[in-house]
């Protein structure tokens, strides 16, 4: 995977102390995972824009991450707005 808009640079991440510097350059997994989850959310929100006044649901984006998403029509306009908030599992 590569960040599509070069959101962050590659990093030198040695696997162990004996590894030479500059031999393990790449993108950190956590940052790539965050981009992937963001893209999944954007994709779902774009699919949710339907001709109704309001829609909401909770999306499972991973084992440890859920998002509450609401898509609502702005009265007297052609605009719709989507808001999402992370939901924490307890």
C-alpha atoms as a PDB file:
ATOM      1  CA  UNK A   1       0.000   0.000   0.000  1.00  0.00           C
ATOM      2  CA  UNK A   2       1.051   3.568  -0.675  1.00  0.00           C
ATOM      3  CA  UNK A   3      -0.554   6.740   0.667  1.00  0.00           C
ATOM      4  CA  UNK A   4      -2.340   8.151  -2.404  1.00  0.00           C
ATOM      5  CA  UNK A   5      -1.546  11.803  -1.731  1.00  0.00           C
ATOM      6  CA  UNK A   6       1.805  11.311  -0.022  1.00  0.00           C
ATOM      7  CA  UNK A   7       0.229  12.172   3.360  1.00  0.00           C
ATOM      8  CA  UNK A   8       3.327  11.077   5.266  1.00  0.00           C
ATOM      9  CA  UNK A   9       6.917  10.174   4.404  1.00  0.00           C
ATOM     10  CA  UNK A  10       8.600   6.783   4.611  1.00  0.00           C
ATOM     11  CA  UNK A  11      10.464   5.966   7.826  1.00  0.00           C
ATOM     12  CA  UNK A  12      13.471   3.849   8.674  1.00  0.00           C
ATOM     13  CA  UNK A  13      12.087   1.290  11.123  1.00  0.00           C
ATOM     14  CA  UNK A  14      14.749  -1.217  12.261  1.00  0.00           C
ATOM     15  CA  UNK A  15      13.269  -4.591  13.211  1.00  0.00           C
ATOM     16  CA  UNK A  16      16.021  -5.312  15.745  1.00  0.00           C
ATOM     17  CA  UNK A  17      19.108  -3.650  17.220  1.00  0.00           C
ATOM     18  CA  UNK A  18      21.534  -5.465  14.889  1.00  0.00           C
ATOM     19  CA  UNK A  19      19.857  -4.185  11.711  1.00  0.00           C
ATOM     20  CA  UNK A  20      21.747  -1.482   9.858  1.00  0.00           C
ATOM     21  CA  UNK A  21      20.181   1.935   9.538  1.00  0.00           C
ATOM     22  CA  UNK A  22      18.520   2.572   6.185  1.00  0.00           C
ATOM     23  CA  UNK A  23      17.840  -1.107   5.424  1.00  0.00           C
ATOM     24  CA  UNK A  24      14.144  -1.180   6.421  1.00  0.00           C
ATOM     25  CA  UNK A  25      12.577   1.929   4.916  1.00  0.00           C
ATOM     26  CA  UNK A  26       8.822   1.971   4.396  1.00  0.00           C
ATOM     27  CA  UNK A  27       5.459   3.263   5.553  1.00  0.00           C
ATOM     28  CA  UNK A  28       4.417   2.570   9.161  1.00  0.00           C
ATOM     29  CA  UNK A  29       1.562   0.036   9.352  1.00  0.00           C
ATOM     30  CA  UNK A  30      -0.470   2.077  11.856  1.00  0.00           C
ATOM     31  CA  UNK A  31      -0.535   5.109   9.568  1.00  0.00           C
ATOM     32  CA  UNK A  32      -1.524   3.002   6.529  1.00  0.00           C
ATOM     33  CA  UNK A  33      -4.292   1.348   8.572  1.00  0.00           C
ATOM     34  CA  UNK A  34      -5.629   4.775   9.598  1.00  0.00           C
ATOM     35  CA  UNK A  35      -5.765   5.866   5.925  1.00  0.00           C
ATOM     36  CA  UNK A  36      -7.513   2.634   4.960  1.00  0.00           C
ATOM     37  CA  UNK A  37     -10.172   3.108   7.644  1.00  0.00           C
ATOM     38  CA  UNK A  38     -10.682   6.734   6.573  1.00  0.00           C
ATOM     39  CA  UNK A  39     -11.136   5.663   2.958  1.00  0.00           C
ATOM     40  CA  UNK A  40     -13.642   2.965   3.963  1.00  0.00           C
ATOM     41  CA  UNK A  41     -15.636   5.586   5.876  1.00  0.00           C
ATOM     42  CA  UNK A  42     -15.615   8.060   2.963  1.00  0.00           C
ATOM     43  CA  UNK A  43     -16.702   5.297   0.585  1.00  0.00           C
ATOM     44  CA  UNK A  44     -19.590   4.315   2.831  1.00  0.00           C
ATOM     45  CA  UNK A  45     -20.708   7.920   3.374  1.00  0.00           C
ATOM     46  CA  UNK A  46     -20.758   8.539  -0.383  1.00  0.00           C
ATOM     47  CA  UNK A  47     -22.957   5.464  -0.822  1.00  0.00           C
ATOM     48  CA  UNK A  48     -25.286   6.693   1.952  1.00  0.00           C
ATOM     49  CA  UNK A  49     -26.251   9.894   0.146  1.00  0.00           C
ATOM     50  CA  UNK A  50     -29.690   8.810  -0.965  1.00  0.00           C
ATOM     51  CA  UNK A  51     -32.864  10.795  -1.674  1.00  0.00           C
ATOM     52  CA  UNK A  52     -34.153  10.810   1.886  1.00  0.00           C
ATOM     53  CA  UNK A  53     -34.191  13.519   4.507  1.00  0.00           C
ATOM     54  CA  UNK A  54     -32.042  11.673   7.066  1.00  0.00           C
ATOM     55  CA  UNK A  55     -30.199   8.366   7.561  1.00  0.00           C
ATOM     56  CA  UNK A  56     -27.947   7.098  10.333  1.00  0.00           C
ATOM     57  CA  UNK A  57     -26.089   3.949  11.254  1.00  0.00           C
ATOM     58  CA  UNK A  58     -23.106   2.521  13.107  1.00  0.00           C
ATOM     59  CA  UNK A  59     -20.324   1.176  10.887  1.00  0.00           C
ATOM     60  CA  UNK A  60     -17.909  -1.549  11.977  1.00  0.00           C
ATOM     61  CA  UNK A  61     -14.562  -0.442  10.521  1.00  0.00           C
ATOM     62  CA  UNK A  62     -12.447  -2.872  12.508  1.00  0.00           C
ATOM     63  CA  UNK A  63     -12.294  -4.907  15.698  1.00  0.00           C
ATOM     64  CA  UNK A  64     -11.483  -1.839  17.772  1.00  0.00           C
ATOM     65  CA  UNK A  65     -13.238   0.888  15.767  1.00  0.00           C
ATOM     66  CA  UNK A  66     -16.856   1.787  15.088  1.00  0.00           C
ATOM     67  CA  UNK A  67     -18.197   5.029  13.607  1.00  0.00           C
ATOM     68  CA  UNK A  68     -21.628   6.573  14.057  1.00  0.00           C
ATOM     69  CA  UNK A  69     -22.573   8.240  10.771  1.00  0.00           C
ATOM     70  CA  UNK A  70     -25.532  10.464  10.033  1.00  0.00           C
ATOM     71  CA  UNK A  71     -26.391  11.868   6.623  1.00  0.00           C
ATOM     72  CA  UNK A  72     -28.957  14.636   6.569  1.00  0.00           C
ATOM     73  CA  UNK A  73     -30.539  16.876   3.957  1.00  0.00           C
ATOM     74  CA  UNK A  74     -30.237  20.637   4.341  1.00  0.00           C
ATOM     75  CA  UNK A  75     -33.747  21.987   3.998  1.00  0.00           C
ATOM     76  CA  UNK A  76     -34.518  24.071   0.887  1.00  0.00           C
ATOM     77  CA  UNK A  77     -31.230  23.211  -0.811  1.00  0.00           C
ATOM     78  CA  UNK A  78     -29.719  20.386  -2.844  1.00  0.00           C
ATOM     79  CA  UNK A  79     -27.040  19.862  -0.199  1.00  0.00           C
ATOM     80  CA  UNK A  80     -26.624  16.925   2.132  1.00  0.00           C
ATOM     81  CA  UNK A  81     -24.240  16.814   5.061  1.00  0.00           C
ATOM     82  CA  UNK A  82     -22.555  13.809   6.654  1.00  0.00           C
ATOM     83  CA  UNK A  83     -21.174  13.748  10.185  1.00  0.00           C
ATOM     84  CA  UNK A  84     -19.285  10.869  11.741  1.00  0.00           C
ATOM     85  CA  UNK A  85     -18.136  10.283  15.297  1.00  0.00           C
ATOM     86  CA  UNK A  86     -16.002   7.408  16.598  1.00  0.00           C
ATOM     87  CA  UNK A  87     -17.790   5.035  18.984  1.00  0.00           C
ATOM     88  CA  UNK A  88     -15.690   3.399  21.690  1.00  0.00           C
ATOM     89  CA  UNK A  89     -16.343  -0.191  22.797  1.00  0.00           C
ATOM     90  CA  UNK A  90     -16.523  -0.566  26.560  1.00  0.00           C
END
